[in-house]
Amino acid sequence: MSSIIEIEHLKKSFGDNPVLKDISMNVNKGEVVTIIGASGSGKSTFLRCINLLETPTDGKIMYLGENVLAPGYNLPKYRTHLGMVFQSFNLFNNMNVLQNCMSGQVTVLGRKEEEARKVALENLEKVGMARFIDAKPAQLSGGQKQRVAIARALSMNPEVMLFDEPTSALDPEMVGDVLQIMKKLAGSGLTMVIVTHEMAFAKEVSDRVIFMDKGVIAEQGTPEDIFVHPKEARTKEFLHRVLHPEP
């Protein structure tokens, strides 16, 4: 498998607080990697470092063999290769659904309006939102907003899609819709890195599961390795707590 992104000894501190303490891992083309762990383990910070919404304190992020943190590297171009789906949707409230999915294509990728519209409509169709193209975000449910956010990210034709707990802000009945779309994307060969607390989903779609704890990768492996045969005591403890909560 060819690596798209390689992370080497990544660290991130906020003041005197080290949140990521030496993370090394890679993301291969066509791979679905899920990241699980307790709140505060550094999962979202790690994802935000990959697309440089947070600047790492130390380490390397290699994209197709080049260190994106090296002086003079074209960061805006690097970011265009990564799609990001946030917990809180981050749609533009003053734009309708179609405009939300077109604006980045036009302003960042330089696509003509006609092509941007065609790509946006294709992706809105994929997520079941094509009939809502004229709606503003305020008129949509949380699940619908998240589906538009996924279509918007896909419309940029990213090499890698990053998802930061995409279902955590949704009502329980909306969660299934969004996970279903993500399963479909995972089956299409798209390279995905997903921070999630949906364990059944992680078990089903992942090629590799990473368990983070206190700013490090405590254990990683196939879904079977992690969910059925975890080796580390802290992985076992976390899974027991999540899968068998106290009544």
C-alpha atoms as a PDB file:
ATOM      1  CA  MET A   1       0.000   0.000   0.000  1.00  0.00           C
ATOM      2  CA  SER A   2       1.298   3.459  -0.784  1.00  0.00           C
ATOM      3  CA  SER A   3       1.280   6.014   2.025  1.00  0.00           C
ATOM      4  CA  ILE A   4      -0.416   9.336   1.352  1.00  0.00           C
ATOM      5  CA  ILE A   5       0.312  10.862   4.752  1.00  0.00           C
ATOM      6  CA  GLU A   6       3.081   9.873   7.160  1.00  0.00           C
ATOM      7  CA  ILE A   7       3.193  11.394  10.634  1.00  0.00           C
ATOM      8  CA  GLU A   8       6.572  11.323  12.381  1.00  0.00           C
ATOM      9  CA  HIS A   9       7.057  12.130  16.086  1.00  0.00           C
ATOM     10  CA  LEU A  10       4.251  14.676  16.113  1.00  0.00           C
ATOM     11  CA  LYS A  11       3.869  16.736  19.269  1.00  0.00           C
ATOM     12  CA  LYS A  12       1.467  19.504  20.226  1.00  0.00           C
ATOM     13  CA  SER A  13       1.415  21.539  23.423  1.00  0.00           C
ATOM     14  CA  PHE A  14      -0.901  24.351  24.458  1.00  0.00           C
ATOM     15  CA  GLY A  15       1.295  26.416  26.769  1.00  0.00           C
ATOM     16  CA  ASP A  16       2.699  23.983  29.339  1.00  0.00           C
ATOM     17  CA  ASN A  17       0.069  21.364  28.554  1.00  0.00           C
ATOM     18  CA  PRO A  18       1.329  18.605  26.202  1.00  0.00           C
ATOM     19  CA  VAL A  19      -1.732  17.276  24.360  1.00  0.00           C
ATOM     20  CA  LEU A  20       0.078  15.120  21.779  1.00  0.00           C
ATOM     21  CA  LYS A  21       3.235  13.473  23.049  1.00  0.00           C
ATOM     22  CA  ASP A  22       5.028  11.805  20.117  1.00  0.00           C
ATOM     23  CA  ILE A  23       2.684  10.347  17.545  1.00  0.00           C
ATOM     24  CA  SER A  24       3.889   8.404  14.522  1.00  0.00           C
ATOM     25  CA  MET A  25       1.533   6.718  12.044  1.00  0.00           C
ATOM     26  CA  ASN A  26       0.702   6.641   8.364  1.00  0.00           C
ATOM     27  CA  VAL A  27      -2.411   6.736   6.211  1.00  0.00           C
ATOM     28  CA  ASN A  28      -2.415   4.541   3.121  1.00  0.00           C
ATOM     29  CA  LYS A  29      -4.323   5.163  -0.087  1.00  0.00           C
ATOM     30  CA  GLY A  30      -7.853   3.743   0.097  1.00  0.00           C
ATOM     31  CA  GLU A  31      -7.583   2.990   3.805  1.00  0.00           C
ATOM     32  CA  VAL A  32     -10.239   3.751   6.417  1.00  0.00           C
ATOM     33  CA  VAL A  33      -8.592   4.586   9.748  1.00  0.00           C
ATOM     34  CA  THR A  34     -10.729   5.245  12.813  1.00  0.00           C
ATOM     35  CA  ILE A  35      -9.396   6.906  15.941  1.00  0.00           C
ATOM     36  CA  ILE A  36     -11.066   6.074  19.243  1.00  0.00           C
ATOM     37  CA  GLY A  37     -10.357   7.049  22.842  1.00  0.00           C
ATOM     38  CA  ALA A  38     -11.746   8.904  25.835  1.00  0.00           C
ATOM     39  CA  SER A  39     -12.521  12.631  25.759  1.00  0.00           C
ATOM     40  CA  GLY A  40      -9.323  14.587  26.251  1.00  0.00           C
ATOM     41  CA  SER A  41      -7.059  11.880  24.796  1.00  0.00           C
ATOM     42  CA  GLY A  42      -5.943  14.196  21.952  1.00  0.00           C
ATOM     43  CA  LYS A  43      -7.967  12.689  19.070  1.00  0.00           C
ATOM     44  CA  SER A  44      -9.468  15.909  17.693  1.00  0.00           C
ATOM     45  CA  THR A  45      -6.238  17.854  18.222  1.00  0.00           C
ATOM     46  CA  PHE A  46      -4.413  15.180  16.243  1.00  0.00           C
ATOM     47  CA  LEU A  47      -6.885  15.485  13.366  1.00  0.00           C
ATOM     48  CA  ARG A  48      -6.622  19.286  13.445  1.00  0.00           C
ATOM     49  CA  CYS A  49      -2.824  18.994  13.282  1.00  0.00           C
ATOM     50  CA  ILE A  50      -3.030  16.762  10.195  1.00  0.00           C
ATOM     51  CA  ASN A  51      -4.804  19.500   8.231  1.00  0.00           C
ATOM     52  CA  LEU A  52      -2.894  22.262  10.072  1.00  0.00           C
ATOM     53  CA  LEU A  53      -5.879  23.923  11.700  1.00  0.00           C
ATOM     54  CA  GLU A  54      -3.497  23.538  14.661  1.00  0.00           C
ATOM     55  CA  THR A  55       0.244  23.994  14.148  1.00  0.00           C
ATOM     56  CA  PRO A  56       2.235  21.099  15.609  1.00  0.00           C
ATOM     57  CA  THR A  57       4.867  21.983  18.204  1.00  0.00           C
ATOM     58  CA  ASP A  58       7.299  19.416  16.796  1.00  0.00           C
ATOM     59  CA  GLY A  59       7.548  16.540  14.332  1.00  0.00           C
ATOM     60  CA  LYS A  60       6.889  16.013  10.628  1.00  0.00           C
ATOM     61  CA  ILE A  61       3.793  15.582   8.480  1.00  0.00           C
ATOM     62  CA  MET A  62       4.805  14.018   5.181  1.00  0.00           C
ATOM     63  CA  TYR A  63       2.363  14.317   2.275  1.00  0.00           C
ATOM     64  CA  LEU A  64       3.383  12.152  -0.694  1.00  0.00           C
ATOM     65  CA  GLY A  65       6.932  12.140   0.664  1.00  0.00           C
ATOM     66  CA  GLU A  66       7.292  15.884   1.338  1.00  0.00           C
ATOM     67  CA  ASN A  67       7.304  17.513   4.775  1.00  0.00           C
ATOM     68  CA  VAL A  68       4.429  20.013   4.775  1.00  0.00           C
ATOM     69  CA  LEU A  69       5.905  21.734   7.853  1.00  0.00           C
ATOM     70  CA  ALA A  70       9.141  22.602   6.021  1.00  0.00           C
ATOM     71  CA  PRO A  71       9.721  26.333   5.361  1.00  0.00           C
ATOM     72  CA  GLY A  72       8.323  27.455   2.023  1.00  0.00           C
ATOM     73  CA  TYR A  73       5.978  24.477   1.547  1.00  0.00           C
ATOM     74  CA  ASN A  74       2.728  25.429  -0.205  1.00  0.00           C
ATOM     75  CA  LEU A  75       0.265  24.943   2.681  1.00  0.00           C
ATOM     76  CA  PRO A  76      -2.899  26.205   0.924  1.00  0.00           C
ATOM     77  CA  LYS A  77      -2.299  23.651  -1.855  1.00  0.00           C
ATOM     78  CA  TYR A  78      -1.787  20.872   0.733  1.00  0.00           C
ATOM     79  CA  ARG A  79      -5.072  21.787   2.409  1.00  0.00           C
ATOM     80  CA  THR A  80      -6.971  21.431  -0.858  1.00  0.00           C
ATOM     81  CA  HIS A  81      -6.078  17.718  -0.826  1.00  0.00           C
ATOM     82  CA  LEU A  82      -7.831  17.204   2.524  1.00  0.00           C
ATOM     83  CA  GLY A  83     -11.584  17.329   3.068  1.00  0.00           C
ATOM     84  CA  MET A  84     -12.710  18.094   6.621  1.00  0.00           C
ATOM     85  CA  VAL A  85     -16.073  17.365   8.227  1.00  0.00           C
ATOM     86  CA  PHE A  86     -16.546  18.963  11.643  1.00  0.00           C
ATOM     87  CA  GLN A  87     -18.751  18.128  14.647  1.00  0.00           C
ATOM     88  CA  SER A  88     -20.632  21.389  14.248  1.00  0.00           C
ATOM     89  CA  PHE A  89     -21.151  21.324  10.430  1.00  0.00           C
ATOM     90  CA  ASN A  90     -19.523  24.778   9.832  1.00  0.00           C
ATOM     91  CA  LEU A  91     -21.833  25.600   6.920  1.00  0.00           C
ATOM     92  CA  PHE A  92     -22.149  29.185   5.682  1.00  0.00           C
ATOM     93  CA  ASN A  93     -25.518  30.295   7.056  1.00  0.00           C
ATOM     94  CA  ASN A  94     -25.953  33.074   4.473  1.00  0.00           C
ATOM     95  CA  MET A  95     -25.665  30.607   1.559  1.00  0.00           C
ATOM     96  CA  ASN A  96     -28.088  27.939   0.405  1.00  0.00           C
ATOM     97  CA  VAL A  97     -27.132  24.255   0.205  1.00  0.00           C
ATOM     98  CA  LEU A  98     -25.944  24.423  -3.407  1.00  0.00           C
ATOM     99  CA  GLN A  99     -23.881  27.581  -2.815  1.00  0.00           C
ATOM    100  CA  ASN A 100     -22.260  25.965   0.239  1.00  0.00           C
ATOM    101  CA  CYS A 101     -21.082  23.105  -1.975  1.00  0.00           C
ATOM    102  CA  MET A 102     -19.947  25.379  -4.827  1.00  0.00           C
ATOM    103  CA  SER A 103     -18.133  28.231  -3.106  1.00  0.00           C
ATOM    104  CA  GLY A 104     -14.910  26.392  -2.194  1.00  0.00           C
ATOM    105  CA  GLN A 105     -14.675  24.861  -5.642  1.00  0.00           C
ATOM    106  CA  VAL A 106     -14.876  28.275  -7.279  1.00  0.00           C
ATOM    107  CA  THR A 107     -12.736  30.307  -4.873  1.00  0.00           C
ATOM    108  CA  VAL A 108     -10.098  27.718  -3.923  1.00  0.00           C
ATOM    109  CA  LEU A 109      -9.916  25.329  -6.886  1.00  0.00           C
ATOM    110  CA  GLY A 110     -10.749  27.971  -9.512  1.00  0.00           C
ATOM    111  CA  ARG A 111     -13.499  25.896 -11.124  1.00  0.00           C
ATOM    112  CA  LYS A 112     -15.995  27.539 -13.445  1.00  0.00           C
ATOM    113  CA  GLU A 113     -19.485  27.988 -11.944  1.00  0.00           C
ATOM    114  CA  GLU A 114     -21.048  25.481 -14.328  1.00  0.00           C
ATOM    115  CA  GLU A 115     -18.579  22.703 -13.436  1.00  0.00           C
ATOM    116  CA  ALA A 116     -18.788  23.526  -9.718  1.00  0.00           C
ATOM    117  CA  ARG A 117     -22.578  23.259  -9.871  1.00  0.00           C
ATOM    118  CA  LYS A 118     -22.398  19.875 -11.639  1.00  0.00           C
ATOM    119  CA  VAL A 119     -19.928  18.470  -9.066  1.00  0.00           C
ATOM    120  CA  ALA A 120     -21.979  19.879  -6.159  1.00  0.00           C
ATOM    121  CA  LEU A 121     -25.206  18.335  -7.468  1.00  0.00           C
ATOM    122  CA  GLU A 122     -23.527  14.934  -7.957  1.00  0.00           C
ATOM    123  CA  ASN A 123     -22.303  14.931  -4.363  1.00  0.00           C
ATOM    124  CA  LEU A 124     -25.574  16.214  -2.927  1.00  0.00           C
ATOM    125  CA  GLU A 125     -27.267  13.363  -4.796  1.00  0.00           C
ATOM    126  CA  LYS A 126     -24.830  10.903  -3.161  1.00  0.00           C
ATOM    127  CA  VAL A 127     -25.823  12.058   0.333  1.00  0.00           C
ATOM    128  CA  GLY A 128     -29.549  12.317  -0.407  1.00  0.00           C
ATOM    129  CA  MET A 129     -29.711  16.132  -0.255  1.00  0.00           C
ATOM    130  CA  ALA A 130     -30.200  17.090  -3.925  1.00  0.00           C
ATOM    131  CA  ARG A 131     -33.814  18.169  -3.371  1.00  0.00           C
ATOM    132  CA  PHE A 132     -32.734  20.693  -0.723  1.00  0.00           C
ATOM    133  CA  ILE A 133     -30.417  22.780  -2.924  1.00  0.00           C
ATOM    134  CA  ASP A 134     -32.316  26.033  -2.283  1.00  0.00           C
ATOM    135  CA  ALA A 135     -32.621  25.580   1.494  1.00  0.00           C
ATOM    136  CA  LYS A 136     -30.551  27.620   3.918  1.00  0.00           C
ATOM    137  CA  PRO A 137     -28.790  25.774   6.790  1.00  0.00           C
ATOM    138  CA  ALA A 138     -31.262  27.208   9.324  1.00  0.00           C
ATOM    139  CA  GLN A 139     -34.061  25.288   7.569  1.00  0.00           C
ATOM    140  CA  LEU A 140     -32.281  21.911   7.910  1.00  0.00           C
ATOM    141  CA  SER A 141     -32.053  19.364  10.703  1.00  0.00           C
ATOM    142  CA  GLY A 142     -28.669  18.508  12.211  1.00  0.00           C
ATOM    143  CA  GLY A 143     -28.425  15.291  10.206  1.00  0.00           C
ATOM    144  CA  GLN A 144     -29.236  17.117   6.982  1.00  0.00           C
ATOM    145  CA  LYS A 145     -26.628  19.791   7.727  1.00  0.00           C
ATOM    146  CA  GLN A 146     -23.990  17.124   8.306  1.00  0.00           C
ATOM    147  CA  ARG A 147     -24.884  15.437   5.026  1.00  0.00           C
ATOM    148  CA  VAL A 148     -24.457  18.782   3.231  1.00  0.00           C
ATOM    149  CA  ALA A 149     -21.114  19.253   5.001  1.00  0.00           C
ATOM    150  CA  ILE A 150     -19.992  15.842   3.697  1.00  0.00           C
ATOM    151  CA  ALA A 151     -21.127  16.731   0.159  1.00  0.00           C
ATOM    152  CA  ARG A 152     -19.275  20.051   0.403  1.00  0.00           C
ATOM    153  CA  ALA A 153     -16.030  18.317   1.426  1.00  0.00           C
ATOM    154  CA  LEU A 154     -16.415  15.681  -1.315  1.00  0.00           C
ATOM    155  CA  SER A 155     -16.955  18.419  -3.907  1.00  0.00           C
ATOM    156  CA  MET A 156     -13.339  19.518  -3.432  1.00  0.00           C
ATOM    157  CA  ASN A 157     -12.199  16.060  -4.688  1.00  0.00           C
ATOM    158  CA  PRO A 158      -9.956  15.511  -1.687  1.00  0.00           C
ATOM    159  CA  GLU A 159      -7.269  12.845  -1.572  1.00  0.00           C
ATOM    160  CA  VAL A 160      -8.111  12.204   2.111  1.00  0.00           C
ATOM    161  CA  MET A 161     -11.321  12.896   4.045  1.00  0.00           C
ATOM    162  CA  LEU A 162     -11.001  13.773   7.744  1.00  0.00           C
ATOM    163  CA  PHE A 163     -14.047  13.423  10.014  1.00  0.00           C
ATOM    164  CA  ASP A 164     -13.998  14.892  13.528  1.00  0.00           C
ATOM    165  CA  GLU A 165     -16.738  13.101  15.513  1.00  0.00           C
ATOM    166  CA  PRO A 166     -19.261  13.813  12.741  1.00  0.00           C
ATOM    167  CA  THR A 167     -22.233  12.407  14.695  1.00  0.00           C
ATOM    168  CA  SER A 168     -21.562  13.830  18.162  1.00  0.00           C
ATOM    169  CA  ALA A 169     -23.802  16.893  17.720  1.00  0.00           C
ATOM    170  CA  LEU A 170     -26.706  14.930  16.243  1.00  0.00           C
ATOM    171  CA  ASP A 171     -29.918  13.653  17.789  1.00  0.00           C
ATOM    172  CA  PRO A 172     -29.779   9.847  18.125  1.00  0.00           C
ATOM    173  CA  GLU A 173     -32.282   9.245  15.323  1.00  0.00           C
ATOM    174  CA  MET A 174     -30.138  11.292  12.887  1.00  0.00           C
ATOM    175  CA  VAL A 175     -26.914   9.407  13.623  1.00  0.00           C
ATOM    176  CA  GLY A 176     -27.808   6.318  11.541  1.00  0.00           C
ATOM    177  CA  ASP A 177     -28.342   8.369   8.350  1.00  0.00           C
ATOM    178  CA  VAL A 178     -24.930  10.007   8.539  1.00  0.00           C
ATOM    179  CA  LEU A 179     -23.134   6.757   9.441  1.00  0.00           C
ATOM    180  CA  GLN A 180     -24.848   5.021   6.519  1.00  0.00           C
ATOM    181  CA  ILE A 181     -23.458   7.622   4.109  1.00  0.00           C
ATOM    182  CA  MET A 182     -19.995   7.275   5.631  1.00  0.00           C
ATOM    183  CA  LYS A 183     -20.178   3.483   5.249  1.00  0.00           C
ATOM    184  CA  LYS A 184     -21.016   3.959   1.569  1.00  0.00           C
ATOM    185  CA  LEU A 185     -18.026   6.296   1.154  1.00  0.00           C
ATOM    186  CA  ALA A 186     -15.756   3.829   2.959  1.00  0.00           C
ATOM    187  CA  GLY A 187     -16.905   1.123   0.542  1.00  0.00           C
ATOM    188  CA  SER A 188     -16.109   3.355  -2.453  1.00  0.00           C
ATOM    189  CA  GLY A 189     -12.356   3.296  -1.803  1.00  0.00           C
ATOM    190  CA  LEU A 190     -12.097   6.840  -0.432  1.00  0.00           C
ATOM    191  CA  THR A 191      -9.208   7.354   1.996  1.00  0.00           C
ATOM    192  CA  MET A 192     -10.744   8.339   5.348  1.00  0.00           C
ATOM    193  CA  VAL A 193      -9.493   9.216   8.830  1.00  0.00           C
ATOM    194  CA  ILE A 194     -12.378   9.292  11.312  1.00  0.00           C
ATOM    195  CA  VAL A 195     -12.416  10.343  14.956  1.00  0.00           C
ATOM    196  CA  THR A 196     -15.511   8.660  16.362  1.00  0.00           C
ATOM    197  CA  HIS A 197     -17.175   7.403  19.519  1.00  0.00           C
ATOM    198  CA  GLU A 198     -19.445   5.068  17.505  1.00  0.00           C
ATOM    199  CA  MET A 199     -17.769   1.737  18.315  1.00  0.00           C
ATOM    200  CA  ALA A 200     -20.014  -0.521  16.204  1.00  0.00           C
ATOM    201  CA  PHE A 201     -19.379   1.735  13.206  1.00  0.00           C
ATOM    202  CA  ALA A 202     -15.604   1.735  13.816  1.00  0.00           C
ATOM    203  CA  LYS A 203     -15.626  -2.051  14.060  1.00  0.00           C
ATOM    204  CA  GLU A 204     -17.568  -2.401  10.818  1.00  0.00           C
ATOM    205  CA  VAL A 205     -15.876   0.079   8.448  1.00  0.00           C
ATOM    206  CA  SER A 206     -12.245   0.320   9.587  1.00  0.00           C
ATOM    207  CA  ASP A 207      -9.220  -1.199   7.974  1.00  0.00           C
ATOM    208  CA  ARG A 208      -7.307  -0.033  11.031  1.00  0.00           C
ATOM    209  CA  VAL A 209      -8.353   1.232  14.466  1.00  0.00           C
ATOM    210  CA  ILE A 210      -6.134   3.514  16.540  1.00  0.00           C
ATOM    211  CA  PHE A 211      -6.754   3.793  20.267  1.00  0.00           C
ATOM    212  CA  MET A 212      -5.416   7.048  21.724  1.00  0.00           C
ATOM    213  CA  ASP A 213      -4.882   7.636  25.420  1.00  0.00           C
ATOM    214  CA  LYS A 214      -3.332  10.661  27.142  1.00  0.00           C
ATOM    215  CA  GLY A 215      -1.765  12.051  23.973  1.00  0.00           C
ATOM    216  CA  VAL A 216      -0.199   8.865  22.621  1.00  0.00           C
ATOM    217  CA  ILE A 217      -1.233   5.972  20.391  1.00  0.00           C
ATOM    218  CA  ALA A 218      -1.654   3.279  23.035  1.00  0.00           C
ATOM    219  CA  GLU A 219      -2.575   0.523  20.575  1.00  0.00           C
ATOM    220  CA  GLN A 220      -3.516   0.060  16.939  1.00  0.00           C
ATOM    221  CA  GLY A 221      -4.529  -2.823  14.719  1.00  0.00           C
ATOM    222  CA  THR A 222      -7.389  -4.342  12.773  1.00  0.00           C
ATOM    223  CA  PRO A 223     -10.897  -4.040  14.236  1.00  0.00           C
ATOM    224  CA  GLU A 224     -10.536  -7.621  15.446  1.00  0.00           C
ATOM    225  CA  ASP A 225      -7.189  -6.832  17.123  1.00  0.00           C
ATOM    226  CA  ILE A 226      -8.644  -3.888  19.006  1.00  0.00           C
ATOM    227  CA  PHE A 227     -12.240  -4.901  19.729  1.00  0.00           C
ATOM    228  CA  VAL A 228     -11.846  -8.658  20.148  1.00  0.00           C
ATOM    229  CA  HIS A 229      -8.225  -9.176  21.234  1.00  0.00           C
ATOM    230  CA  PRO A 230      -6.943  -5.902  22.741  1.00  0.00           C
ATOM    231  CA  LYS A 231      -3.493  -6.292  24.304  1.00  0.00           C
ATOM    232  CA  GLU A 232      -3.103  -3.139  26.399  1.00  0.00           C
ATOM    233  CA  ALA A 233      -4.776  -2.866  29.789  1.00  0.00           C
ATOM    234  CA  ARG A 234      -5.912   0.699  29.063  1.00  0.00           C
ATOM    235  CA  THR A 235      -7.521  -0.369  25.757  1.00  0.00           C
ATOM    236  CA  LYS A 236      -9.408  -3.133  27.576  1.00  0.00           C
ATOM    237  CA  GLU A 237     -10.504  -0.737  30.312  1.00  0.00           C
ATOM    238  CA  PHE A 238     -11.709   1.905  27.821  1.00  0.00           C
ATOM    239  CA  LEU A 239     -13.677  -0.621  25.750  1.00  0.00           C
ATOM    240  CA  HIS A 240     -15.229  -2.181  28.828  1.00  0.00           C
ATOM    241  CA  ARG A 241     -16.339   1.257  30.023  1.00  0.00           C
ATOM    242  CA  VAL A 242     -17.780   2.229  26.625  1.00  0.00           C
ATOM    243  CA  LEU A 243     -19.355  -1.086  25.628  1.00  0.00           C
ATOM    244  CA  HIS A 244     -20.645  -2.050  29.085  1.00  0.00           C
ATOM    245  CA  PRO A 245     -21.546   1.218  30.832  1.00  0.00           C
ATOM    246  CA  GLU A 246     -22.575   1.013  34.453  1.00  0.00           C
ATOM    247  CA  PRO A 247     -26.394   1.156  34.814  1.00  0.00           C
END
